[in-house]
Amino acid sequence: MIGLAILFATDWIWPGILVLVGVTSLVGAYLGQSEREDNDIPLRVDDPTGVKEQPAVRYAAQCASCGAATPEEERDGAAGGPKAVCGFCGSPLAQEQ
């Protein structure tokens, strides 16, 4: 508020407001920093769902229905993830053994 009063008194509103915002941000960041105390508990995040990572699967290089080639970037997936489908006919792709 004091900064705004100074800006209005000196008639330096437009560029002064930018300087005031910058100085206020720097002072707030400096004062907001604190030393870590011994009783601070670090954040620990557990997997609440209990789902383990699914093994990777590899899909066929060609669609079994129409014979279209499967792009290399679409051939890898996860076992529990969404099933890959052919980009041309829409049928599900077979998994390689």
N, C-alpha and C. Protein backbone atom coordinates (compact mmCIF):
# COMPACT_ATOMS: atom_id res chain seq x y z
N MET A 1 0.82 -1.18 0.00
CA MET A 1 0.00 0.00 0.00
C MET A 1 0.87 1.26 0.00
N ILE A 2 1.98 1.17 0.72
CA ILE A 2 2.88 2.33 0.75
C ILE A 2 3.47 2.56 -0.64
N GLY A 3 3.80 1.47 -1.32
CA GLY A 3 4.33 1.58 -2.68
C GLY A 3 3.35 2.23 -3.62
N LEU A 4 2.06 1.88 -3.50
CA LEU A 4 1.04 2.50 -4.35
C LEU A 4 0.89 3.98 -4.04
N ALA A 5 0.96 4.32 -2.76
CA ALA A 5 0.86 5.73 -2.38
C ALA A 5 2.02 6.53 -2.97
N ILE A 6 3.21 5.95 -2.96
CA ILE A 6 4.38 6.63 -3.53
C ILE A 6 4.20 6.78 -5.04
N LEU A 7 3.67 5.76 -5.70
CA LEU A 7 3.46 5.84 -7.15
C LEU A 7 2.44 6.93 -7.51
N PHE A 8 1.36 7.02 -6.75
CA PHE A 8 0.37 8.06 -7.03
C PHE A 8 0.92 9.45 -6.73
N ALA A 9 1.73 9.57 -5.69
CA ALA A 9 2.28 10.88 -5.31
C ALA A 9 3.29 11.38 -6.34
N THR A 10 4.06 10.47 -6.93
CA THR A 10 5.08 10.87 -7.91
C THR A 10 4.56 10.83 -9.33
N ASP A 11 3.31 10.39 -9.54
CA ASP A 11 2.71 10.29 -10.87
C ASP A 11 3.53 9.39 -11.80
N TRP A 12 4.01 8.30 -11.26
CA TRP A 12 4.83 7.34 -12.00
C TRP A 12 4.11 6.00 -12.00
N ILE A 13 2.84 6.00 -12.40
CA ILE A 13 1.96 4.84 -12.27
C ILE A 13 2.37 3.69 -13.19
N TRP A 14 2.44 3.95 -14.50
CA TRP A 14 2.61 2.83 -15.41
C TRP A 14 3.92 2.08 -15.25
N PRO A 15 5.06 2.63 -15.45
CA PRO A 15 6.22 1.75 -15.29
C PRO A 15 6.49 1.43 -13.81
N GLY A 16 6.02 2.30 -12.92
CA GLY A 16 6.26 2.09 -11.50
C GLY A 16 5.54 0.88 -10.95
N ILE A 17 4.35 0.57 -11.48
CA ILE A 17 3.61 -0.58 -10.98
C ILE A 17 4.35 -1.88 -11.28
N LEU A 18 5.06 -1.93 -12.41
CA LEU A 18 5.84 -3.12 -12.74
C LEU A 18 7.01 -3.29 -11.78
N VAL A 19 7.67 -2.18 -11.46
CA VAL A 19 8.78 -2.24 -10.51
C VAL A 19 8.26 -2.64 -9.14
N LEU A 20 7.12 -2.11 -8.74
CA LEU A 20 6.53 -2.43 -7.44
C LEU A 20 6.18 -3.92 -7.35
N VAL A 21 5.61 -4.47 -8.40
CA VAL A 21 5.27 -5.90 -8.40
C VAL A 21 6.53 -6.74 -8.31
N GLY A 22 7.56 -6.38 -9.06
CA GLY A 22 8.81 -7.12 -9.02
C GLY A 22 9.48 -7.08 -7.66
N VAL A 23 9.55 -5.90 -7.06
CA VAL A 23 10.17 -5.77 -5.75
C VAL A 23 9.36 -6.55 -4.70
N THR A 24 8.05 -6.47 -4.78
CA THR A 24 7.20 -7.20 -3.83
C THR A 24 7.41 -8.71 -3.97
N SER A 25 7.53 -9.20 -5.19
CA SER A 25 7.75 -10.63 -5.41
C SER A 25 9.09 -11.07 -4.86
N LEU A 26 10.13 -10.28 -5.10
CA LEU A 26 11.46 -10.64 -4.60
C LEU A 26 11.51 -10.65 -3.08
N VAL A 27 10.92 -9.65 -2.46
CA VAL A 27 10.91 -9.59 -0.99
C VAL A 27 10.11 -10.76 -0.42
N GLY A 28 8.97 -11.07 -1.03
CA GLY A 28 8.17 -12.20 -0.57
C GLY A 28 8.90 -13.53 -0.71
N ALA A 29 9.63 -13.71 -1.80
CA ALA A 29 10.38 -14.95 -1.99
C ALA A 29 11.52 -15.05 -0.99
N TYR A 30 12.17 -13.92 -0.71
CA TYR A 30 13.28 -13.93 0.25
C TYR A 30 12.78 -14.23 1.66
N LEU A 31 11.69 -13.62 2.05
CA LEU A 31 11.17 -13.83 3.39
C LEU A 31 10.48 -15.18 3.54
N GLY A 32 10.02 -15.76 2.45
CA GLY A 32 9.33 -17.05 2.50
C GLY A 32 10.25 -18.23 2.64
N GLN A 33 11.54 -18.05 2.38
CA GLN A 33 12.48 -19.15 2.51
C GLN A 33 12.76 -19.40 3.98
N SER A 34 12.80 -20.66 4.36
CA SER A 34 13.10 -20.99 5.74
C SER A 34 14.05 -22.17 5.77
N GLU A 35 14.76 -22.29 6.86
CA GLU A 35 15.66 -23.41 7.04
C GLU A 35 14.85 -24.65 7.38
N ARG A 36 15.35 -25.80 6.97
CA ARG A 36 14.67 -27.05 7.27
C ARG A 36 14.90 -27.39 8.74
N GLU A 37 13.83 -27.70 9.41
CA GLU A 37 13.91 -28.05 10.81
C GLU A 37 13.98 -29.56 10.97
N ASP A 38 14.46 -30.01 12.12
CA ASP A 38 14.61 -31.44 12.37
C ASP A 38 13.27 -32.17 12.42
N ASN A 39 12.22 -31.47 12.82
CA ASN A 39 10.92 -32.14 12.93
C ASN A 39 10.11 -32.10 11.64
N ASP A 40 10.69 -31.58 10.55
CA ASP A 40 10.00 -31.61 9.26
C ASP A 40 9.96 -33.03 8.75
N ILE A 41 8.80 -33.44 8.29
CA ILE A 41 8.64 -34.79 7.76
C ILE A 41 8.62 -34.71 6.25
N PRO A 42 9.52 -35.43 5.57
CA PRO A 42 9.49 -35.39 4.10
C PRO A 42 8.24 -36.09 3.57
N LEU A 43 7.77 -35.62 2.44
CA LEU A 43 6.58 -36.17 1.82
C LEU A 43 6.90 -37.53 1.23
N ARG A 44 6.06 -38.50 1.54
CA ARG A 44 6.21 -39.85 1.00
C ARG A 44 4.90 -40.24 0.35
N VAL A 45 4.98 -40.62 -0.90
CA VAL A 45 3.77 -40.98 -1.64
C VAL A 45 3.80 -42.47 -1.95
N ASP A 46 2.82 -43.17 -1.44
CA ASP A 46 2.68 -44.59 -1.73
C ASP A 46 1.64 -44.76 -2.82
N ASP A 47 1.69 -45.90 -3.48
CA ASP A 47 0.69 -46.20 -4.50
C ASP A 47 -0.58 -46.65 -3.80
N PRO A 48 -1.61 -45.80 -3.75
CA PRO A 48 -2.82 -46.16 -3.00
C PRO A 48 -3.62 -47.28 -3.64
N THR A 49 -3.43 -47.51 -4.91
CA THR A 49 -4.23 -48.54 -5.58
C THR A 49 -3.63 -49.92 -5.42
N GLY A 50 -2.35 -49.99 -5.11
CA GLY A 50 -1.69 -51.28 -4.98
C GLY A 50 -1.44 -51.96 -6.31
N VAL A 51 -1.61 -51.23 -7.41
CA VAL A 51 -1.42 -51.80 -8.74
C VAL A 51 0.07 -51.81 -9.06
N LYS A 52 0.55 -52.95 -9.42
CA LYS A 52 1.95 -53.05 -9.81
C LYS A 52 2.07 -52.77 -11.30
N GLU A 53 3.26 -52.38 -11.71
CA GLU A 53 3.48 -52.06 -13.12
C GLU A 53 3.27 -53.30 -13.98
N GLN A 54 2.52 -53.12 -15.04
CA GLN A 54 2.20 -54.23 -15.92
C GLN A 54 3.38 -54.53 -16.85
N PRO A 55 3.59 -55.79 -17.18
CA PRO A 55 4.68 -56.12 -18.11
C PRO A 55 4.38 -55.58 -19.51
N ALA A 56 5.42 -55.32 -20.24
CA ALA A 56 5.26 -54.78 -21.59
C ALA A 56 4.86 -55.89 -22.55
N VAL A 57 4.06 -55.53 -23.55
CA VAL A 57 3.69 -56.46 -24.60
C VAL A 57 4.08 -55.86 -25.94
N ARG A 58 4.22 -56.70 -26.91
CA ARG A 58 4.57 -56.26 -28.27
C ARG A 58 3.49 -56.78 -29.20
N TYR A 59 2.97 -55.86 -30.03
CA TYR A 59 1.91 -56.23 -30.96
C TYR A 59 2.49 -56.62 -32.31
N ALA A 60 1.70 -57.32 -33.09
CA ALA A 60 2.14 -57.85 -34.39
C ALA A 60 2.50 -56.72 -35.35
N ALA A 61 3.40 -57.03 -36.27
CA ALA A 61 3.85 -56.04 -37.25
C ALA A 61 2.80 -55.78 -38.32
N GLN A 62 1.88 -56.75 -38.52
CA GLN A 62 0.81 -56.59 -39.50
C GLN A 62 -0.52 -56.97 -38.87
N CYS A 63 -1.56 -56.30 -39.33
CA CYS A 63 -2.91 -56.61 -38.89
C CYS A 63 -3.32 -57.97 -39.46
N ALA A 64 -3.92 -58.82 -38.62
CA ALA A 64 -4.35 -60.14 -39.08
C ALA A 64 -5.57 -60.05 -39.99
N SER A 65 -6.36 -58.99 -39.87
CA SER A 65 -7.58 -58.87 -40.66
C SER A 65 -7.32 -58.31 -42.05
N CYS A 66 -6.60 -57.17 -42.13
CA CYS A 66 -6.44 -56.51 -43.43
C CYS A 66 -5.01 -56.54 -43.95
N GLY A 67 -4.04 -56.94 -43.11
CA GLY A 67 -2.65 -57.03 -43.56
C GLY A 67 -1.89 -55.70 -43.56
N ALA A 68 -2.49 -54.65 -43.02
CA ALA A 68 -1.81 -53.35 -42.98
C ALA A 68 -0.66 -53.38 -41.98
N ALA A 69 0.41 -52.66 -42.29
CA ALA A 69 1.57 -52.62 -41.41
C ALA A 69 1.27 -51.77 -40.17
N THR A 70 1.75 -52.22 -39.02
CA THR A 70 1.61 -51.47 -37.78
C THR A 70 2.84 -50.59 -37.61
N PRO A 71 2.67 -49.27 -37.42
CA PRO A 71 3.84 -48.41 -37.22
C PRO A 71 4.65 -48.86 -36.00
N GLU A 72 5.96 -48.70 -36.06
CA GLU A 72 6.86 -49.17 -35.01
C GLU A 72 6.52 -48.55 -33.65
N GLU A 73 6.15 -47.27 -33.63
CA GLU A 73 5.87 -46.61 -32.35
C GLU A 73 4.59 -47.11 -31.70
N GLU A 74 3.73 -47.80 -32.45
CA GLU A 74 2.48 -48.32 -31.90
C GLU A 74 2.58 -49.80 -31.57
N ARG A 75 3.72 -50.42 -31.74
CA ARG A 75 3.85 -51.86 -31.52
C ARG A 75 4.10 -52.22 -30.06
N ASP A 76 4.51 -51.26 -29.21
CA ASP A 76 4.77 -51.54 -27.80
C ASP A 76 3.61 -51.05 -26.95
N GLY A 77 3.30 -51.78 -25.89
CA GLY A 77 2.22 -51.39 -24.99
C GLY A 77 2.36 -52.10 -23.66
N ALA A 78 1.43 -51.88 -22.76
CA ALA A 78 1.41 -52.53 -21.46
C ALA A 78 0.33 -53.59 -21.46
N ALA A 79 0.55 -54.66 -20.70
CA ALA A 79 -0.38 -55.78 -20.69
C ALA A 79 -1.76 -55.38 -20.17
N GLY A 80 -1.83 -54.52 -19.19
CA GLY A 80 -3.12 -54.13 -18.63
C GLY A 80 -3.68 -52.87 -19.26
N GLY A 81 -2.96 -52.28 -20.19
CA GLY A 81 -3.37 -51.01 -20.78
C GLY A 81 -4.39 -51.20 -21.89
N PRO A 82 -4.71 -50.12 -22.58
CA PRO A 82 -5.68 -50.22 -23.67
C PRO A 82 -5.13 -51.08 -24.81
N LYS A 83 -5.99 -51.80 -25.43
CA LYS A 83 -5.58 -52.70 -26.52
C LYS A 83 -5.31 -51.89 -27.78
N ALA A 84 -4.30 -52.30 -28.52
CA ALA A 84 -3.96 -51.63 -29.77
C ALA A 84 -4.91 -52.11 -30.86
N VAL A 85 -5.30 -51.18 -31.72
CA VAL A 85 -6.17 -51.53 -32.84
C VAL A 85 -5.52 -51.08 -34.13
N CYS A 86 -5.91 -51.69 -35.22
CA CYS A 86 -5.40 -51.35 -36.54
C CYS A 86 -5.87 -49.95 -36.92
N GLY A 87 -4.96 -49.16 -37.48
CA GLY A 87 -5.31 -47.82 -37.88
C GLY A 87 -6.16 -47.76 -39.13
N PHE A 88 -6.25 -48.88 -39.86
CA PHE A 88 -7.01 -48.90 -41.11
C PHE A 88 -8.39 -49.53 -40.95
N CYS A 89 -8.43 -50.74 -40.37
CA CYS A 89 -9.73 -51.41 -40.28
C CYS A 89 -10.34 -51.38 -38.88
N GLY A 90 -9.55 -51.04 -37.86
CA GLY A 90 -10.08 -50.91 -36.50
C GLY A 90 -10.15 -52.21 -35.72
N SER A 91 -9.66 -53.30 -36.28
CA SER A 91 -9.70 -54.57 -35.54
C SER A 91 -8.54 -54.63 -34.55
N PRO A 92 -8.72 -55.36 -33.44
CA PRO A 92 -7.64 -55.45 -32.44
C PRO A 92 -6.41 -56.16 -33.02
N LEU A 93 -5.24 -55.68 -32.65
CA LEU A 93 -3.99 -56.29 -33.10
C LEU A 93 -3.63 -57.47 -32.19
N ALA A 94 -3.08 -58.50 -32.79
CA ALA A 94 -2.65 -59.67 -32.03
C ALA A 94 -1.33 -59.37 -31.33
N GLN A 95 -1.13 -59.99 -30.17
CA GLN A 95 0.12 -59.83 -29.45
C GLN A 95 1.12 -60.87 -29.92
N GLU A 96 2.39 -60.44 -30.06
CA GLU A 96 3.44 -61.37 -30.43
C GLU A 96 3.80 -62.23 -29.23
N GLN A 97 4.18 -63.43 -29.49
CA GLN A 97 4.56 -64.33 -28.41
C GLN A 97 6.03 -64.27 -28.12
